[in-house]
Amino acid sequence: MLTLVSPSDTPPTTAKSPPRNTRALATCAWNDPTKLVIVFVQITYESDLQKAIELMKEAARRHPDFLPAGNLPVVHVMEFNESGVNLRLLSRAKDQPTTFQMSKDLLLAVREEFMKNGIQIAYPRRELVVGEGVKEALMGRAGKGGDS
């Protein structure tokens, strides 16, 4: 909720959103202490993406400090990374201290739900493509008993 304080000839008014024309706006006070809770998780490409999204939303809804607001909780696919798919969970908490603790609680809850449902959290990995000459050298060395 915004409290709009106009020039001294008119009384203050309240509005749910900022005014479009701010020239008449003298001061603006935001009285909503709630905060956005943001949790990032990366899952493997082999994991069920839709299932992971639903599990993350459910973990947020079940948290005792969850405040329903708009379309929250919501999960976005942020990017495709080398090791997996980056996901971002957005939720809401009553204030800043609650936000910090809730984000940590959600990380634990999401990991637990992922483990129960076969969703793997990504870890760094690389796929090497080796040329034929290197393959032959490695295979020849392995056939001769390894290290020499």
C-alpha atoms as a PDB file:
ATOM      1  CA  MET A   1       0.000   0.000   0.000  1.00  0.00           C
ATOM      2  CA  LEU A   2       1.342   3.427  -0.909  1.00  0.00           C
ATOM      3  CA  THR A   3       0.626   6.617   0.974  1.00  0.00           C
ATOM      4  CA  LEU A   4       0.700   9.524  -1.436  1.00  0.00           C
ATOM      5  CA  VAL A   5       1.358  12.892   0.111  1.00  0.00           C
ATOM      6  CA  SER A   6       0.267  15.666  -2.226  1.00  0.00           C
ATOM      7  CA  PRO A   7       1.080  19.365  -2.009  1.00  0.00           C
ATOM      8  CA  SER A   8      -0.322  21.057   1.105  1.00  0.00           C
ATOM      9  CA  ASP A   9      -3.592  22.123  -0.550  1.00  0.00           C
ATOM     10  CA  THR A  10      -4.904  18.512  -0.880  1.00  0.00           C
ATOM     11  CA  PRO A  11      -5.178  15.695   1.693  1.00  0.00           C
ATOM     12  CA  PRO A  12      -2.950  12.562   1.516  1.00  0.00           C
ATOM     13  CA  THR A  13      -4.373   9.607  -0.418  1.00  0.00           C
ATOM     14  CA  THR A  14      -3.606   5.890  -0.544  1.00  0.00           C
ATOM     15  CA  ALA A  15      -3.214   3.686  -3.590  1.00  0.00           C
ATOM     16  CA  LYS A  16      -2.369   0.052  -4.291  1.00  0.00           C
ATOM     17  CA  SER A  17       0.156   0.929  -7.003  1.00  0.00           C
ATOM     18  CA  PRO A  18       2.397   3.873  -7.853  1.00  0.00           C
ATOM     19  CA  PRO A  19       0.788   6.749  -9.745  1.00  0.00           C
ATOM     20  CA  ARG A  20       1.477   7.049 -13.477  1.00  0.00           C
ATOM     21  CA  ASN A  21       2.143  10.766 -13.253  1.00  0.00           C
ATOM     22  CA  THR A  22       4.676  11.344 -10.486  1.00  0.00           C
ATOM     23  CA  ARG A  23       5.055  15.122 -10.888  1.00  0.00           C
ATOM     24  CA  ALA A  24       2.506  15.774  -8.122  1.00  0.00           C
ATOM     25  CA  LEU A  25       4.100  13.154  -5.853  1.00  0.00           C
ATOM     26  CA  ALA A  26       5.943  14.754  -2.946  1.00  0.00           C
ATOM     27  CA  THR A  27       6.858  11.593  -0.949  1.00  0.00           C
ATOM     28  CA  CYS A  28       6.158   7.917  -1.198  1.00  0.00           C
ATOM     29  CA  ALA A  29       6.164   5.399   1.667  1.00  0.00           C
ATOM     30  CA  TRP A  30       5.946   1.657   1.041  1.00  0.00           C
ATOM     31  CA  ASN A  31       4.358  -0.094   4.009  1.00  0.00           C
ATOM     32  CA  ASP A  32       4.687  -3.720   2.862  1.00  0.00           C
ATOM     33  CA  PRO A  33       7.409  -5.537   4.872  1.00  0.00           C
ATOM     34  CA  THR A  34       7.034  -8.822   2.938  1.00  0.00           C
ATOM     35  CA  LYS A  35      10.030  -9.991   0.930  1.00  0.00           C
ATOM     36  CA  LEU A  36      10.600 -12.176  -2.071  1.00  0.00           C
ATOM     37  CA  VAL A  37      12.272 -15.513  -1.315  1.00  0.00           C
ATOM     38  CA  ILE A  38      14.564 -16.629  -4.128  1.00  0.00           C
ATOM     39  CA  VAL A  39      16.021 -20.136  -4.330  1.00  0.00           C
ATOM     40  CA  PHE A  40      18.267 -21.341  -7.173  1.00  0.00           C
ATOM     41  CA  VAL A  41      18.709 -25.040  -7.961  1.00  0.00           C
ATOM     42  CA  GLN A  42      20.384 -26.828 -10.857  1.00  0.00           C
ATOM     43  CA  ILE A  43      19.141 -30.247 -11.976  1.00  0.00           C
ATOM     44  CA  THR A  44      20.617 -32.677 -14.478  1.00  0.00           C
ATOM     45  CA  TYR A  45      19.386 -32.804 -18.056  1.00  0.00           C
ATOM     46  CA  GLU A  46      18.250 -36.381 -17.462  1.00  0.00           C
ATOM     47  CA  SER A  47      15.896 -35.372 -14.622  1.00  0.00           C
ATOM     48  CA  ASP A  48      12.158 -34.825 -15.142  1.00  0.00           C
ATOM     49  CA  LEU A  49      11.943 -31.024 -15.459  1.00  0.00           C
ATOM     50  CA  GLN A  50       8.177 -30.705 -14.920  1.00  0.00           C
ATOM     51  CA  LYS A  51       8.308 -32.951 -11.854  1.00  0.00           C
ATOM     52  CA  ALA A  52      11.159 -30.864 -10.399  1.00  0.00           C
ATOM     53  CA  ILE A  53       9.167 -27.664 -10.943  1.00  0.00           C
ATOM     54  CA  GLU A  54       6.101 -29.094  -9.195  1.00  0.00           C
ATOM     55  CA  LEU A  55       8.175 -30.424  -6.276  1.00  0.00           C
ATOM     56  CA  MET A  56       9.764 -27.004  -5.767  1.00  0.00           C
ATOM     57  CA  LYS A  57       6.378 -25.245  -5.772  1.00  0.00           C
ATOM     58  CA  GLU A  58       4.961 -27.775  -3.311  1.00  0.00           C
ATOM     59  CA  ALA A  59       7.934 -27.353  -0.964  1.00  0.00           C
ATOM     60  CA  ALA A  60       7.290 -23.598  -0.912  1.00  0.00           C
ATOM     61  CA  ARG A  61       3.546 -24.009  -0.323  1.00  0.00           C
ATOM     62  CA  ARG A  62       4.164 -26.373   2.610  1.00  0.00           C
ATOM     63  CA  HIS A  63       6.644 -24.056   4.343  1.00  0.00           C
ATOM     64  CA  PRO A  64       5.028 -22.581   7.507  1.00  0.00           C
ATOM     65  CA  ASP A  65       6.191 -19.047   6.622  1.00  0.00           C
ATOM     66  CA  PHE A  66       4.883 -19.104   3.033  1.00  0.00           C
ATOM     67  CA  LEU A  67       2.671 -16.112   2.170  1.00  0.00           C
ATOM     68  CA  PRO A  68       0.500 -16.599  -0.916  1.00  0.00           C
ATOM     69  CA  ALA A  69       0.787 -13.570  -3.195  1.00  0.00           C
ATOM     70  CA  GLY A  70      -0.201 -13.263  -6.842  1.00  0.00           C
ATOM     71  CA  ASN A  71       1.020 -16.298  -8.753  1.00  0.00           C
ATOM     72  CA  LEU A  72       3.606 -17.275  -6.113  1.00  0.00           C
ATOM     73  CA  PRO A  73       5.171 -19.710  -5.682  1.00  0.00           C
ATOM     74  CA  VAL A  74       6.477 -19.913  -9.226  1.00  0.00           C
ATOM     75  CA  VAL A  75       9.485 -21.687 -10.753  1.00  0.00           C
ATOM     76  CA  HIS A  76      11.289 -20.392 -13.842  1.00  0.00           C
ATOM     77  CA  VAL A  77      13.745 -22.198 -16.077  1.00  0.00           C
ATOM     78  CA  MET A  78      16.605 -19.698 -16.053  1.00  0.00           C
ATOM     79  CA  GLU A  79      19.173 -21.243 -18.392  1.00  0.00           C
ATOM     80  CA  PHE A  80      20.722 -24.382 -19.779  1.00  0.00           C
ATOM     81  CA  ASN A  81      24.162 -24.693 -18.226  1.00  0.00           C
ATOM     82  CA  GLU A  82      27.092 -27.035 -18.907  1.00  0.00           C
ATOM     83  CA  SER A  83      26.044 -29.428 -16.167  1.00  0.00           C
ATOM     84  CA  GLY A  84      22.270 -29.013 -16.070  1.00  0.00           C
ATOM     85  CA  VAL A  85      19.178 -26.830 -16.084  1.00  0.00           C
ATOM     86  CA  ASN A  86      19.104 -23.817 -13.742  1.00  0.00           C
ATOM     87  CA  LEU A  87      15.781 -23.282 -11.959  1.00  0.00           C
ATOM     88  CA  ARG A  88      14.658 -20.334  -9.825  1.00  0.00           C
ATOM     89  CA  LEU A  89      11.906 -20.618  -7.201  1.00  0.00           C
ATOM     90  CA  LEU A  90      10.148 -17.408  -6.182  1.00  0.00           C
ATOM     91  CA  SER A  91       8.072 -17.348  -3.014  1.00  0.00           C
ATOM     92  CA  ARG A  92       7.174 -14.734  -0.388  1.00  0.00           C
ATOM     93  CA  ALA A  93       7.881 -14.351   3.340  1.00  0.00           C
ATOM     94  CA  LYS A  94       6.661 -11.885   5.966  1.00  0.00           C
ATOM     95  CA  ASP A  95       9.973 -10.008   6.447  1.00  0.00           C
ATOM     96  CA  GLN A  96      13.715 -10.026   5.740  1.00  0.00           C
ATOM     97  CA  PRO A  97      14.856 -12.295   8.627  1.00  0.00           C
ATOM     98  CA  THR A  98      12.164 -14.813   7.718  1.00  0.00           C
ATOM     99  CA  THR A  99      13.227 -14.656   4.066  1.00  0.00           C
ATOM    100  CA  PHE A 100      16.775 -15.737   4.863  1.00  0.00           C
ATOM    101  CA  GLN A 101      15.728 -18.695   7.019  1.00  0.00           C
ATOM    102  CA  MET A 102      12.965 -19.710   4.605  1.00  0.00           C
ATOM    103  CA  SER A 103      15.387 -19.825   1.654  1.00  0.00           C
ATOM    104  CA  LYS A 104      17.684 -22.174   3.594  1.00  0.00           C
ATOM    105  CA  ASP A 105      14.754 -24.342   4.719  1.00  0.00           C
ATOM    106  CA  LEU A 106      13.521 -24.562   1.127  1.00  0.00           C
ATOM    107  CA  LEU A 107      16.919 -25.684  -0.148  1.00  0.00           C
ATOM    108  CA  LEU A 108      16.830 -28.589   2.312  1.00  0.00           C
ATOM    109  CA  ALA A 109      13.187 -29.434   1.567  1.00  0.00           C
ATOM    110  CA  VAL A 110      13.770 -29.341  -2.195  1.00  0.00           C
ATOM    111  CA  ARG A 111      16.814 -31.589  -1.930  1.00  0.00           C
ATOM    112  CA  GLU A 112      14.877 -34.072   0.201  1.00  0.00           C
ATOM    113  CA  GLU A 113      11.946 -34.128  -2.258  1.00  0.00           C
ATOM    114  CA  PHE A 114      14.301 -34.483  -5.219  1.00  0.00           C
ATOM    115  CA  MET A 115      16.014 -37.481  -3.574  1.00  0.00           C
ATOM    116  CA  LYS A 116      12.646 -39.164  -2.920  1.00  0.00           C
ATOM    117  CA  ASN A 117      11.524 -38.596  -6.521  1.00  0.00           C
ATOM    118  CA  GLY A 118      14.681 -39.381  -8.500  1.00  0.00           C
ATOM    119  CA  ILE A 119      15.485 -35.789  -9.467  1.00  0.00           C
ATOM    120  CA  GLN A 120      19.256 -35.319  -9.515  1.00  0.00           C
ATOM    121  CA  ILE A 121      20.952 -32.090  -8.506  1.00  0.00           C
ATOM    122  CA  ALA A 122      23.598 -31.340 -11.125  1.00  0.00           C
ATOM    123  CA  TYR A 123      27.296 -31.594 -10.432  1.00  0.00           C
ATOM    124  CA  PRO A 124      30.151 -30.337 -12.613  1.00  0.00           C
ATOM    125  CA  ARG A 125      30.954 -32.689 -15.467  1.00  0.00           C
ATOM    126  CA  ARG A 126      32.607 -32.556 -18.853  1.00  0.00           C
ATOM    127  CA  GLU A 127      32.277 -34.767 -21.881  1.00  0.00           C
ATOM    128  CA  LEU A 128      35.583 -35.174 -23.704  1.00  0.00           C
ATOM    129  CA  VAL A 129      35.686 -35.818 -27.426  1.00  0.00           C
ATOM    130  CA  VAL A 130      38.994 -37.486 -28.219  1.00  0.00           C
ATOM    131  CA  GLY A 131      40.493 -37.753 -31.694  1.00  0.00           C
ATOM    132  CA  GLU A 132      41.274 -41.156 -33.243  1.00  0.00           C
ATOM    133  CA  GLY A 133      45.056 -40.854 -32.727  1.00  0.00           C
ATOM    134  CA  VAL A 134      44.614 -40.259 -28.997  1.00  0.00           C
ATOM    135  CA  LYS A 135      42.080 -43.103 -28.752  1.00  0.00           C
ATOM    136  CA  GLU A 136      44.487 -45.527 -30.431  1.00  0.00           C
ATOM    137  CA  ALA A 137      47.348 -44.445 -28.182  1.00  0.00           C
ATOM    138  CA  LEU A 138      45.205 -44.881 -25.086  1.00  0.00           C
ATOM    139  CA  MET A 139      43.842 -48.242 -26.209  1.00  0.00           C
ATOM    140  CA  GLY A 140      47.310 -49.483 -27.102  1.00  0.00           C
ATOM    141  CA  ARG A 141      48.628 -48.428 -23.733  1.00  0.00           C
ATOM    142  CA  ALA A 142      45.717 -50.054 -21.900  1.00  0.00           C
ATOM    143  CA  GLY A 143      46.295 -53.301 -23.833  1.00  0.00           C
ATOM    144  CA  LYS A 144      49.936 -53.381 -22.722  1.00  0.00           C
ATOM    145  CA  GLY A 145      49.118 -53.518 -19.030  1.00  0.00           C
ATOM    146  CA  GLY A 146      48.666 -49.850 -18.183  1.00  0.00           C
ATOM    147  CA  ASP A 147      51.461 -47.722 -16.794  1.00  0.00           C
ATOM    148  CA  SER A 148      55.038 -48.414 -17.785  1.00  0.00           C
END
